[in-house]
Amino acid sequence: MFIGDVEVKGLARLAPMAGISNAPYRLVAWECGSALTTSEEIDAIGLTRENPRTKYDIAKYLPEEKPIALQILGPSAETLVPGVQYLQDTGADIIDLNMGCPMPKITKTGRGSALMKDVQKTAEILSAMRRVLKVPFTIKIRSGWDETHLNAVEVAKMAEDVGIDAITVHPRTRAQRFNGLSKWDMIAEVVDAVDIPITGNGDVQSMSDARAMQAATGCESVMIGRAAMGKPWVFDEAFEDLSPEGKYEYQSRVINRHMPLIEEHFPERAGLLQMQRHLSWYAGGRDRVRAFRVELFATRSFQEARDVFDRYWESVNPGAA
């Protein structure tokens, strides 16, 4: 699949998730087989106000990630246009506009899925962004605001008309947030309505699910979000064929790759929480995980967190005598 002139080499890729899809995690997901990396949402207002965390943490990416899609979040052309100009100048290969975030703190300020409510106003915003962008421009949408306002097809047609290069569809409404089942039929409706590439997203737990979504909807690619938390190997179809010992060795390599990246990318105060969260997810589904997590979240340094995890991880080694 191509997004503009950028080739997406593979069926499935990591979805942007606030506080999760940062550069270290994106890179390990890419190394496990994610077809493209997309940043977590970058606040346009933070960029225009020179917020250090926005510019030098959330908007930061690693050279190995390229081509990289940087996702921006904002309510108006006044904030989004200078924001995308900055991201384009810093080397973004694709700019993606978040039109899907359902959280009240986002939508009450006119951002995220609130942009789906006034289609004409949003068309003007997208047109203004398109005029300054030389790189491919994509959007990520939901099926609509609520069950009485299912307008993904209308929004997709508008987006194609103003020059959007591709669309990702998460077929839950804003009102659903992340609850209930996503309705893949909505993805198929958008695919049928436009001629630009569509990516599906929602309730995909594995590569077999990704193939099922593609077969059911006609989408050209698939995003995997929550199912990749603590499991970046979800993008590697060969992982499921490994023995228990082989899976453990694979997982150990990924974890030992990921943790130093966190230490390099973040100052210790912010990085420690990232390390704790990801190590907690990596341990998911194993014996005695609850007690381990209590001990892990009581740690106060990178080294202490690694020591607690390493002891636990060795205790669940399927190859240990």
C-alpha atoms as a PDB file:
ATOM      1  CA  MET A   1       0.000   0.000   0.000  1.00  0.00           C
ATOM      2  CA  PHE A   2       1.125   3.551  -0.736  1.00  0.00           C
ATOM      3  CA  ILE A   3       0.165   6.669   1.209  1.00  0.00           C
ATOM      4  CA  GLY A   4       1.021   9.313  -1.311  1.00  0.00           C
ATOM      5  CA  ASP A   5       4.562   8.378  -2.283  1.00  0.00           C
ATOM      6  CA  VAL A   6       5.305   6.546   0.996  1.00  0.00           C
ATOM      7  CA  GLU A   7       5.155   2.759   0.781  1.00  0.00           C
ATOM      8  CA  VAL A   8       3.665   0.896   3.738  1.00  0.00           C
ATOM      9  CA  LYS A   9       5.444  -2.452   3.619  1.00  0.00           C
ATOM     10  CA  GLY A  10       3.132  -4.870   5.350  1.00  0.00           C
ATOM     11  CA  LEU A  11      -0.461  -5.376   6.376  1.00  0.00           C
ATOM     12  CA  ALA A  12      -0.471  -4.284  10.028  1.00  0.00           C
ATOM     13  CA  ARG A  13       1.037  -1.406  11.956  1.00  0.00           C
ATOM     14  CA  LEU A  14       1.048   0.034  15.443  1.00  0.00           C
ATOM     15  CA  ALA A  15      -1.772   2.480  16.194  1.00  0.00           C
ATOM     16  CA  PRO A  16      -0.993   5.842  17.813  1.00  0.00           C
ATOM     17  CA  MET A  17      -1.841   5.677  21.529  1.00  0.00           C
ATOM     18  CA  ALA A  18      -1.363   8.610  23.907  1.00  0.00           C
ATOM     19  CA  GLY A  19       1.359   7.950  26.470  1.00  0.00           C
ATOM     20  CA  ILE A  20       2.231   4.607  24.883  1.00  0.00           C
ATOM     21  CA  SER A  21       3.290   5.010  21.247  1.00  0.00           C
ATOM     22  CA  ASN A  22       6.443   6.950  22.046  1.00  0.00           C
ATOM     23  CA  ALA A  23       9.684   6.590  20.102  1.00  0.00           C
ATOM     24  CA  PRO A  24      11.197   3.655  22.055  1.00  0.00           C
ATOM     25  CA  TYR A  25       8.045   1.562  21.812  1.00  0.00           C
ATOM     26  CA  ARG A  26       7.416   2.475  18.194  1.00  0.00           C
ATOM     27  CA  LEU A  27      10.910   1.343  17.284  1.00  0.00           C
ATOM     28  CA  VAL A  28      10.625  -2.071  18.938  1.00  0.00           C
ATOM     29  CA  ALA A  29       7.211  -2.551  17.302  1.00  0.00           C
ATOM     30  CA  TRP A  30       8.723  -1.665  13.928  1.00  0.00           C
ATOM     31  CA  GLU A  31      11.552  -4.116  14.525  1.00  0.00           C
ATOM     32  CA  CYS A  32       8.933  -6.786  15.305  1.00  0.00           C
ATOM     33  CA  GLY A  33       7.200  -6.145  11.994  1.00  0.00           C
ATOM     34  CA  SER A  34       4.958  -3.073  12.294  1.00  0.00           C
ATOM     35  CA  ALA A  35       4.670  -1.766   8.729  1.00  0.00           C
ATOM     36  CA  LEU A  36       4.900   1.924   9.653  1.00  0.00           C
ATOM     37  CA  THR A  37       5.297   3.959  12.806  1.00  0.00           C
ATOM     38  CA  THR A  38       2.929   6.755  13.827  1.00  0.00           C
ATOM     39  CA  SER A  39       3.540   9.070  16.756  1.00  0.00           C
ATOM     40  CA  GLU A  40       1.137   9.511  19.617  1.00  0.00           C
ATOM     41  CA  GLU A  41      -0.990  12.649  19.318  1.00  0.00           C
ATOM     42  CA  ILE A  42       1.048  15.869  19.305  1.00  0.00           C
ATOM     43  CA  ASP A  43      -0.822  18.901  20.607  1.00  0.00           C
ATOM     44  CA  ALA A  44      -0.742  21.724  18.037  1.00  0.00           C
ATOM     45  CA  ILE A  45      -1.208  24.321  20.760  1.00  0.00           C
ATOM     46  CA  GLY A  46       1.792  22.923  22.628  1.00  0.00           C
ATOM     47  CA  LEU A  47       3.865  23.260  19.461  1.00  0.00           C
ATOM     48  CA  THR A  48       2.824  26.866  18.839  1.00  0.00           C
ATOM     49  CA  ARG A  49       3.486  27.761  22.468  1.00  0.00           C
ATOM     50  CA  GLU A  50       6.934  26.144  22.359  1.00  0.00           C
ATOM     51  CA  ASN A  51       6.042  23.653  25.080  1.00  0.00           C
ATOM     52  CA  PRO A  52       9.299  21.733  25.725  1.00  0.00           C
ATOM     53  CA  ARG A  53       7.626  18.380  26.456  1.00  0.00           C
ATOM     54  CA  THR A  54       5.546  18.602  23.293  1.00  0.00           C
ATOM     55  CA  LYS A  55       8.442  19.590  21.023  1.00  0.00           C
ATOM     56  CA  TYR A  56      11.306  17.578  22.491  1.00  0.00           C
ATOM     57  CA  ASP A  57       9.559  14.496  23.870  1.00  0.00           C
ATOM     58  CA  ILE A  58       6.226  13.693  22.223  1.00  0.00           C
ATOM     59  CA  ALA A  59       7.225  15.003  18.773  1.00  0.00           C
ATOM     60  CA  LYS A  60      10.670  13.385  18.909  1.00  0.00           C
ATOM     61  CA  TYR A  61      11.365  10.360  16.768  1.00  0.00           C
ATOM     62  CA  LEU A  62      14.365   8.119  16.141  1.00  0.00           C
ATOM     63  CA  PRO A  63      16.176   8.047  12.766  1.00  0.00           C
ATOM     64  CA  GLU A  64      15.606   4.293  12.484  1.00  0.00           C
ATOM     65  CA  GLU A  65      11.832   4.858  12.441  1.00  0.00           C
ATOM     66  CA  LYS A  66      11.705   6.609   9.087  1.00  0.00           C
ATOM     67  CA  PRO A  67       9.457   6.791   7.221  1.00  0.00           C
ATOM     68  CA  ILE A  68       7.541   8.266  10.162  1.00  0.00           C
ATOM     69  CA  ALA A  69       3.983   9.573  10.419  1.00  0.00           C
ATOM     70  CA  LEU A  70       3.518  12.313  12.994  1.00  0.00           C
ATOM     71  CA  GLN A  71      -0.019  12.698  14.323  1.00  0.00           C
ATOM     72  CA  ILE A  72      -1.242  16.159  15.304  1.00  0.00           C
ATOM     73  CA  LEU A  73      -4.184  17.163  17.488  1.00  0.00           C
ATOM     74  CA  GLY A  74      -5.887  20.544  17.382  1.00  0.00           C
ATOM     75  CA  PRO A  75      -9.174  22.444  17.064  1.00  0.00           C
ATOM     76  CA  SER A  76      -8.573  25.038  14.362  1.00  0.00           C
ATOM     77  CA  ALA A  77      -6.562  26.085  11.333  1.00  0.00           C
ATOM     78  CA  GLU A  78      -4.959  28.823  13.436  1.00  0.00           C
ATOM     79  CA  THR A  79      -3.198  26.216  15.580  1.00  0.00           C
ATOM     80  CA  LEU A  80      -2.982  23.263  13.178  1.00  0.00           C
ATOM     81  CA  VAL A  81      -1.414  25.032  10.200  1.00  0.00           C
ATOM     82  CA  PRO A  82       1.704  26.278  12.049  1.00  0.00           C
ATOM     83  CA  GLY A  83       1.817  22.964  13.882  1.00  0.00           C
ATOM     84  CA  VAL A  84       1.985  20.872  10.724  1.00  0.00           C
ATOM     85  CA  GLN A  85       4.475  23.275   9.185  1.00  0.00           C
ATOM     86  CA  TYR A  86       6.763  22.656  12.159  1.00  0.00           C
ATOM     87  CA  LEU A  87       6.344  18.857  11.977  1.00  0.00           C
ATOM     88  CA  GLN A  88       6.957  18.863   8.229  1.00  0.00           C
ATOM     89  CA  ASP A  89      10.108  20.924   8.726  1.00  0.00           C
ATOM     90  CA  THR A  90      11.386  18.464  11.342  1.00  0.00           C
ATOM     91  CA  GLY A  91      11.223  15.619   8.823  1.00  0.00           C
ATOM     92  CA  ALA A  92       7.779  14.030   9.047  1.00  0.00           C
ATOM     93  CA  ASP A  93       7.163  11.767   6.065  1.00  0.00           C
ATOM     94  CA  ILE A  94       3.388  11.759   6.662  1.00  0.00           C
ATOM     95  CA  ILE A  95       1.176  14.101   8.690  1.00  0.00           C
ATOM     96  CA  ASP A  96      -1.874  12.530  10.329  1.00  0.00           C
ATOM     97  CA  LEU A  97      -4.685  14.530  11.939  1.00  0.00           C
ATOM     98  CA  ASN A  98      -6.363  12.993  14.967  1.00  0.00           C
ATOM     99  CA  MET A  99     -10.112  13.190  14.379  1.00  0.00           C
ATOM    100  CA  GLY A 100     -10.896  10.176  16.544  1.00  0.00           C
ATOM    101  CA  CYS A 101      -9.889  10.757  20.157  1.00  0.00           C
ATOM    102  CA  PRO A 102     -13.107  10.382  22.211  1.00  0.00           C
ATOM    103  CA  MET A 103     -11.909  11.610  25.593  1.00  0.00           C
ATOM    104  CA  PRO A 104     -14.011  14.473  27.051  1.00  0.00           C
ATOM    105  CA  LYS A 105     -10.979  16.597  27.930  1.00  0.00           C
ATOM    106  CA  ILE A 106     -10.110  16.547  24.218  1.00  0.00           C
ATOM    107  CA  THR A 107     -13.528  16.825  22.601  1.00  0.00           C
ATOM    108  CA  LYS A 108     -14.757  19.648  24.851  1.00  0.00           C
ATOM    109  CA  THR A 109     -12.081  21.894  23.310  1.00  0.00           C
ATOM    110  CA  GLY A 110     -13.095  21.006  19.753  1.00  0.00           C
ATOM    111  CA  ARG A 111     -10.292  18.513  19.157  1.00  0.00           C
ATOM    112  CA  GLY A 112     -10.251  14.822  18.272  1.00  0.00           C
ATOM    113  CA  SER A 113     -13.608  13.322  17.318  1.00  0.00           C
ATOM    114  CA  ALA A 114     -15.302  16.700  17.856  1.00  0.00           C
ATOM    115  CA  LEU A 115     -13.968  17.593  14.403  1.00  0.00           C
ATOM    116  CA  MET A 116     -16.489  15.150  12.921  1.00  0.00           C
ATOM    117  CA  LYS A 117     -19.453  17.180  14.150  1.00  0.00           C
ATOM    118  CA  ASP A 118     -19.244  20.177  11.780  1.00  0.00           C
ATOM    119  CA  VAL A 119     -18.159  18.708   8.448  1.00  0.00           C
ATOM    120  CA  GLN A 120     -18.045  22.021   6.541  1.00  0.00           C
ATOM    121  CA  LYS A 121     -15.916  23.728   9.195  1.00  0.00           C
ATOM    122  CA  THR A 122     -13.564  20.760   9.297  1.00  0.00           C
ATOM    123  CA  ALA A 123     -13.314  20.806   5.489  1.00  0.00           C
ATOM    124  CA  GLU A 124     -12.004  24.369   5.752  1.00  0.00           C
ATOM    125  CA  ILE A 125      -9.452  23.293   8.372  1.00  0.00           C
ATOM    126  CA  LEU A 126      -8.257  20.355   6.269  1.00  0.00           C
ATOM    127  CA  SER A 127      -8.021  22.541   3.169  1.00  0.00           C
ATOM    128  CA  ALA A 128      -5.868  25.070   5.014  1.00  0.00           C
ATOM    129  CA  MET A 129      -3.568  22.279   6.235  1.00  0.00           C
ATOM    130  CA  ARG A 130      -3.405  20.685   2.796  1.00  0.00           C
ATOM    131  CA  ARG A 131      -2.248  23.948   1.231  1.00  0.00           C
ATOM    132  CA  VAL A 132       0.919  24.079   3.342  1.00  0.00           C
ATOM    133  CA  LEU A 133       1.749  20.372   3.292  1.00  0.00           C
ATOM    134  CA  LYS A 134       4.080  18.879   0.711  1.00  0.00           C
ATOM    135  CA  VAL A 135       4.105  15.441   2.368  1.00  0.00           C
ATOM    136  CA  PRO A 136       1.176  12.996   2.376  1.00  0.00           C
ATOM    137  CA  PHE A 137      -1.699  14.036   4.638  1.00  0.00           C
ATOM    138  CA  THR A 138      -3.950  11.497   6.383  1.00  0.00           C
ATOM    139  CA  ILE A 139      -6.705  11.530   8.991  1.00  0.00           C
ATOM    140  CA  LYS A 140      -7.919   9.055  11.620  1.00  0.00           C
ATOM    141  CA  ILE A 141     -11.666   9.088  12.266  1.00  0.00           C
ATOM    142  CA  ARG A 142     -14.403   7.227  14.128  1.00  0.00           C
ATOM    143  CA  SER A 143     -17.762   6.033  12.826  1.00  0.00           C
ATOM    144  CA  GLY A 144     -19.375   9.197  14.205  1.00  0.00           C
ATOM    145  CA  TRP A 145     -20.226  11.175  17.303  1.00  0.00           C
ATOM    146  CA  ASP A 146     -22.864   8.715  18.527  1.00  0.00           C
ATOM    147  CA  GLU A 147     -25.278   6.136  17.131  1.00  0.00           C
ATOM    148  CA  THR A 148     -27.581   8.840  15.786  1.00  0.00           C
ATOM    149  CA  HIS A 149     -24.738  10.639  14.004  1.00  0.00           C
ATOM    150  CA  LEU A 150     -22.858   7.978  12.020  1.00  0.00           C
ATOM    151  CA  ASN A 151     -21.170  10.166   9.444  1.00  0.00           C
ATOM    152  CA  ALA A 152     -17.849   8.445   8.703  1.00  0.00           C
ATOM    153  CA  VAL A 153     -18.773   8.083   5.030  1.00  0.00           C
ATOM    154  CA  GLU A 154     -19.682  11.770   4.735  1.00  0.00           C
ATOM    155  CA  VAL A 155     -16.449  12.799   6.424  1.00  0.00           C
ATOM    156  CA  ALA A 156     -14.397  10.435   4.248  1.00  0.00           C
ATOM    157  CA  LYS A 157     -15.903  11.813   1.033  1.00  0.00           C
ATOM    158  CA  MET A 158     -15.227  15.356   2.192  1.00  0.00           C
ATOM    159  CA  ALA A 159     -11.648  14.441   3.088  1.00  0.00           C
ATOM    160  CA  GLU A 160     -11.024  12.886  -0.314  1.00  0.00           C
ATOM    161  CA  ASP A 161     -12.407  16.003  -1.996  1.00  0.00           C
ATOM    162  CA  VAL A 162      -9.975  18.292  -0.153  1.00  0.00           C
ATOM    163  CA  GLY A 163      -6.960  16.138  -0.986  1.00  0.00           C
ATOM    164  CA  ILE A 164      -6.461  13.784   1.936  1.00  0.00           C
ATOM    165  CA  ASP A 165      -4.216  10.887   0.863  1.00  0.00           C
ATOM    166  CA  ALA A 166      -5.523   8.101   3.151  1.00  0.00           C
ATOM    167  CA  ILE A 167      -7.901   7.535   6.062  1.00  0.00           C
ATOM    168  CA  THR A 168      -7.870   5.274   9.106  1.00  0.00           C
ATOM    169  CA  VAL A 169     -11.316   4.272  10.378  1.00  0.00           C
ATOM    170  CA  HIS A 170     -11.962   3.136  13.953  1.00  0.00           C
ATOM    171  CA  PRO A 171     -15.588   1.952  13.757  1.00  0.00           C
ATOM    172  CA  ARG A 172     -16.691   2.903  17.239  1.00  0.00           C
ATOM    173  CA  THR A 173     -18.513   6.131  17.975  1.00  0.00           C
ATOM    174  CA  ARG A 174     -17.169   8.866  20.197  1.00  0.00           C
ATOM    175  CA  ALA A 175     -19.849   7.904  22.713  1.00  0.00           C
ATOM    176  CA  GLN A 176     -18.552   4.323  22.866  1.00  0.00           C
ATOM    177  CA  ARG A 177     -14.978   5.425  23.537  1.00  0.00           C
ATOM    178  CA  PHE A 178     -13.241   2.019  23.691  1.00  0.00           C
ATOM    179  CA  ASN A 179     -16.233  -0.011  24.887  1.00  0.00           C
ATOM    180  CA  GLY A 180     -18.469  -2.447  23.031  1.00  0.00           C
ATOM    181  CA  LEU A 181     -17.686  -4.048  19.717  1.00  0.00           C
ATOM    182  CA  SER A 182     -16.355  -2.118  16.774  1.00  0.00           C
ATOM    183  CA  LYS A 183     -18.568  -2.484  13.711  1.00  0.00           C
ATOM    184  CA  TRP A 184     -16.339  -3.485  10.831  1.00  0.00           C
ATOM    185  CA  ASP A 185     -19.187  -2.889   8.379  1.00  0.00           C
ATOM    186  CA  MET A 186     -18.534   0.828   8.760  1.00  0.00           C
ATOM    187  CA  ILE A 187     -14.984   0.344   7.487  1.00  0.00           C
ATOM    188  CA  ALA A 188     -16.379  -1.454   4.436  1.00  0.00           C
ATOM    189  CA  GLU A 189     -18.819   1.402   3.810  1.00  0.00           C
ATOM    190  CA  VAL A 190     -15.977   3.917   3.797  1.00  0.00           C
ATOM    191  CA  VAL A 191     -13.881   1.681   1.521  1.00  0.00           C
ATOM    192  CA  ASP A 192     -16.776   1.556  -0.946  1.00  0.00           C
ATOM    193  CA  ALA A 193     -17.353   5.315  -0.780  1.00  0.00           C
ATOM    194  CA  VAL A 194     -13.875   6.620  -1.637  1.00  0.00           C
ATOM    195  CA  ASP A 195     -10.933   5.810  -3.884  1.00  0.00           C
ATOM    196  CA  ILE A 196      -8.107   6.588  -1.451  1.00  0.00           C
ATOM    197  CA  PRO A 197      -6.514   3.891   0.760  1.00  0.00           C
ATOM    198  CA  ILE A 198      -8.361   2.973   3.942  1.00  0.00           C
ATOM    199  CA  THR A 199      -6.822   1.470   7.065  1.00  0.00           C
ATOM    200  CA  GLY A 200      -9.052  -0.391   9.504  1.00  0.00           C
ATOM    201  CA  ASN A 201      -8.690  -0.285  13.280  1.00  0.00           C
ATOM    202  CA  GLY A 202     -10.629  -1.895  16.123  1.00  0.00           C
ATOM    203  CA  ASP A 203     -10.798  -5.273  17.890  1.00  0.00           C
ATOM    204  CA  VAL A 204      -7.772  -6.704  16.084  1.00  0.00           C
ATOM    205  CA  GLN A 205      -5.897  -9.024  18.433  1.00  0.00           C
ATOM    206  CA  SER A 206      -3.570 -10.827  16.024  1.00  0.00           C
ATOM    207  CA  MET A 207      -2.311 -10.962  12.470  1.00  0.00           C
ATOM    208  CA  SER A 208      -5.024 -13.505  11.679  1.00  0.00           C
ATOM    209  CA  ASP A 209      -7.574 -10.931  12.882  1.00  0.00           C
ATOM    210  CA  ALA A 210      -5.879  -8.339  10.658  1.00  0.00           C
ATOM    211  CA  ARG A 211      -6.278 -10.597   7.634  1.00  0.00           C
ATOM    212  CA  ALA A 212      -9.902 -11.219   8.601  1.00  0.00           C
ATOM    213  CA  MET A 213     -10.560  -7.473   8.799  1.00  0.00           C
ATOM    214  CA  GLN A 214      -8.979  -6.940   5.406  1.00  0.00           C
ATOM    215  CA  ALA A 215     -11.063  -9.749   3.880  1.00  0.00           C
ATOM    216  CA  ALA A 216     -14.291  -8.516   5.476  1.00  0.00           C
ATOM    217  CA  THR A 217     -13.908  -4.819   4.698  1.00  0.00           C
ATOM    218  CA  GLY A 218     -11.570  -4.411   1.731  1.00  0.00           C
ATOM    219  CA  CYS A 219      -9.263  -2.119   3.715  1.00  0.00           C
ATOM    220  CA  GLU A 220      -5.669  -2.022   2.500  1.00  0.00           C
ATOM    221  CA  SER A 221      -3.996  -2.026   5.904  1.00  0.00           C
ATOM    222  CA  VAL A 222      -4.813  -2.521   9.570  1.00  0.00           C
ATOM    223  CA  MET A 223      -3.805  -0.739  12.773  1.00  0.00           C
ATOM    224  CA  ILE A 224      -3.359  -2.695  16.006  1.00  0.00           C
ATOM    225  CA  GLY A 225      -3.575  -0.685  19.214  1.00  0.00           C
ATOM    226  CA  ARG A 226      -4.368  -2.093  22.650  1.00  0.00           C
ATOM    227  CA  ALA A 227      -3.573  -5.674  21.616  1.00  0.00           C
ATOM    228  CA  ALA A 228       0.037  -4.571  21.018  1.00  0.00           C
ATOM    229  CA  MET A 229       0.501  -3.214  24.554  1.00  0.00           C
ATOM    230  CA  GLY A 230       3.147  -5.468  26.065  1.00  0.00           C
ATOM    231  CA  LYS A 231       3.085  -7.578  22.893  1.00  0.00           C
ATOM    232  CA  PRO A 232       4.918  -5.803  20.060  1.00  0.00           C
ATOM    233  CA  TRP A 233       5.583  -9.269  18.625  1.00  0.00           C
ATOM    234  CA  VAL A 234       1.908  -9.343  17.604  1.00  0.00           C
ATOM    235  CA  PHE A 235       3.180  -7.998  14.257  1.00  0.00           C
ATOM    236  CA  ASP A 236       5.463 -11.019  13.723  1.00  0.00           C
ATOM    237  CA  GLU A 237       3.439 -13.910  12.310  1.00  0.00           C
ATOM    238  CA  ALA A 238       6.291 -16.339  13.012  1.00  0.00           C
ATOM    239  CA  PHE A 239       6.052 -15.717  16.769  1.00  0.00           C
ATOM    240  CA  GLU A 240       3.001 -17.936  17.275  1.00  0.00           C
ATOM    241  CA  ASP A 241       4.818 -20.941  15.783  1.00  0.00           C
ATOM    242  CA  LEU A 242       7.655 -20.777  18.318  1.00  0.00           C
ATOM    243  CA  SER A 243       7.979 -23.168  21.242  1.00  0.00           C
ATOM    244  CA  PRO A 244       7.362 -21.818  24.768  1.00  0.00           C
ATOM    245  CA  GLU A 245      11.132 -21.558  25.187  1.00  0.00           C
ATOM    246  CA  GLY A 246      11.463 -19.830  21.810  1.00  0.00           C
ATOM    247  CA  LYS A 247       8.755 -17.317  22.671  1.00  0.00           C
ATOM    248  CA  TYR A 248      10.430 -16.558  25.992  1.00  0.00           C
ATOM    249  CA  GLU A 249      13.776 -15.963  24.281  1.00  0.00           C
ATOM    250  CA  TYR A 250      12.140 -13.734  21.649  1.00  0.00           C
ATOM    251  CA  GLN A 251      10.311 -11.736  24.321  1.00  0.00           C
ATOM    252  CA  SER A 252      13.501 -11.390  26.367  1.00  0.00           C
ATOM    253  CA  ARG A 253      15.357  -9.964  23.359  1.00  0.00           C
ATOM    254  CA  VAL A 254      12.596  -7.416  22.738  1.00  0.00           C
ATOM    255  CA  ILE A 255      12.435  -6.352  26.391  1.00  0.00           C
ATOM    256  CA  ASN A 256      16.217  -6.039  26.598  1.00  0.00           C
ATOM    257  CA  ARG A 257      16.114  -3.883  23.476  1.00  0.00           C
ATOM    258  CA  HIS A 258      13.234  -1.722  24.705  1.00  0.00           C
ATOM    259  CA  MET A 259      14.397  -0.850  28.222  1.00  0.00           C
ATOM    260  CA  PRO A 260      17.726   0.802  27.244  1.00  0.00           C
ATOM    261  CA  LEU A 261      15.837   2.844  24.636  1.00  0.00           C
ATOM    262  CA  ILE A 262      13.575   4.162  27.394  1.00  0.00           C
ATOM    263  CA  GLU A 263      16.617   5.080  29.503  1.00  0.00           C
ATOM    264  CA  GLU A 264      18.205   6.894  26.560  1.00  0.00           C
ATOM    265  CA  HIS A 265      15.045   8.711  25.465  1.00  0.00           C
ATOM    266  CA  PHE A 266      13.541   9.905  28.757  1.00  0.00           C
ATOM    267  CA  PRO A 267      14.840  11.608  31.890  1.00  0.00           C
ATOM    268  CA  GLU A 268      14.612   9.153  34.768  1.00  0.00           C
ATOM    269  CA  ARG A 269      11.538  10.639  36.426  1.00  0.00           C
ATOM    270  CA  ALA A 270       9.377  10.347  33.306  1.00  0.00           C
ATOM    271  CA  GLY A 271      11.161   7.281  32.004  1.00  0.00           C
ATOM    272  CA  LEU A 272      10.672   5.291  35.187  1.00  0.00           C
ATOM    273  CA  LEU A 273       6.897   5.376  34.771  1.00  0.00           C
ATOM    274  CA  GLN A 274       7.269   4.311  31.152  1.00  0.00           C
ATOM    275  CA  MET A 275       9.537   1.453  32.183  1.00  0.00           C
ATOM    276  CA  GLN A 276       7.193   0.328  34.951  1.00  0.00           C
ATOM    277  CA  ARG A 277       4.147   0.412  32.695  1.00  0.00           C
ATOM    278  CA  HIS A 278       5.753  -1.504  29.857  1.00  0.00           C
ATOM    279  CA  LEU A 279       7.384  -4.100  32.124  1.00  0.00           C
ATOM    280  CA  SER A 280       4.014  -4.592  33.798  1.00  0.00           C
ATOM    281  CA  TRP A 281       2.410  -5.238  30.410  1.00  0.00           C
ATOM    282  CA  TYR A 282       5.222  -7.565  29.332  1.00  0.00           C
ATOM    283  CA  ALA A 283       4.554  -9.680  32.412  1.00  0.00           C
ATOM    284  CA  GLY A 284       0.809  -9.929  31.722  1.00  0.00           C
ATOM    285  CA  GLY A 285      -0.871 -13.306  31.942  1.00  0.00           C
ATOM    286  CA  ARG A 286       1.863 -15.011  33.902  1.00  0.00           C
ATOM    287  CA  ASP A 287       2.011 -16.528  37.383  1.00  0.00           C
ATOM    288  CA  ARG A 288       2.206 -14.261  40.446  1.00  0.00           C
ATOM    289  CA  VAL A 289       1.941 -11.168  38.276  1.00  0.00           C
ATOM    290  CA  ARG A 290      -0.126  -9.178  40.784  1.00  0.00           C
ATOM    291  CA  ALA A 291       2.529  -9.363  43.524  1.00  0.00           C
ATOM    292  CA  PHE A 292       5.227  -8.579  40.970  1.00  0.00           C
ATOM    293  CA  ARG A 293       3.393  -5.447  39.832  1.00  0.00           C
ATOM    294  CA  VAL A 294       3.045  -4.162  43.393  1.00  0.00           C
ATOM    295  CA  GLU A 295       6.795  -4.517  43.860  1.00  0.00           C
ATOM    296  CA  LEU A 296       7.557  -3.035  40.426  1.00  0.00           C
ATOM    297  CA  PHE A 297       5.528   0.139  40.942  1.00  0.00           C
ATOM    298  CA  ALA A 298       7.221   0.722  44.290  1.00  0.00           C
ATOM    299  CA  THR A 299      10.651   1.049  42.639  1.00  0.00           C
ATOM    300  CA  ARG A 300      12.379   4.412  42.502  1.00  0.00           C
ATOM    301  CA  SER A 301      15.007   4.073  39.763  1.00  0.00           C
ATOM    302  CA  PHE A 302      15.631   2.471  36.388  1.00  0.00           C
ATOM    303  CA  GLN A 303      18.032  -0.021  37.904  1.00  0.00           C
ATOM    304  CA  GLU A 304      15.710  -0.983  40.722  1.00  0.00           C
ATOM    305  CA  ALA A 305      12.851  -1.549  38.272  1.00  0.00           C
ATOM    306  CA  ARG A 306      15.040  -3.712  36.055  1.00  0.00           C
ATOM    307  CA  ASP A 307      16.273  -5.727  39.037  1.00  0.00           C
ATOM    308  CA  VAL A 308      12.714  -6.433  40.201  1.00  0.00           C
ATOM    309  CA  PHE A 309      11.640  -7.397  36.711  1.00  0.00           C
ATOM    310  CA  ASP A 310      14.688  -9.558  36.004  1.00  0.00           C
ATOM    311  CA  ARG A 311      14.117 -11.603  39.149  1.00  0.00           C
ATOM    312  CA  TYR A 312      10.485 -12.101  38.244  1.00  0.00           C
ATOM    313  CA  TRP A 313      11.203 -12.827  34.587  1.00  0.00           C
ATOM    314  CA  GLU A 314      13.727 -15.527  35.439  1.00  0.00           C
ATOM    315  CA  SER A 315      11.181 -17.138  37.772  1.00  0.00           C
ATOM    316  CA  VAL A 316       8.737 -17.632  34.865  1.00  0.00           C
ATOM    317  CA  ASN A 317      11.344 -18.963  32.397  1.00  0.00           C
ATOM    318  CA  PRO A 318       9.756 -22.065  30.853  1.00  0.00           C
ATOM    319  CA  GLY A 319      13.204 -23.505  30.184  1.00  0.00           C
ATOM    320  CA  ALA A 320      14.400 -23.285  33.795  1.00  0.00           C
ATOM    321  CA  ALA A 321      14.996 -26.585  35.561  1.00  0.00           C
END
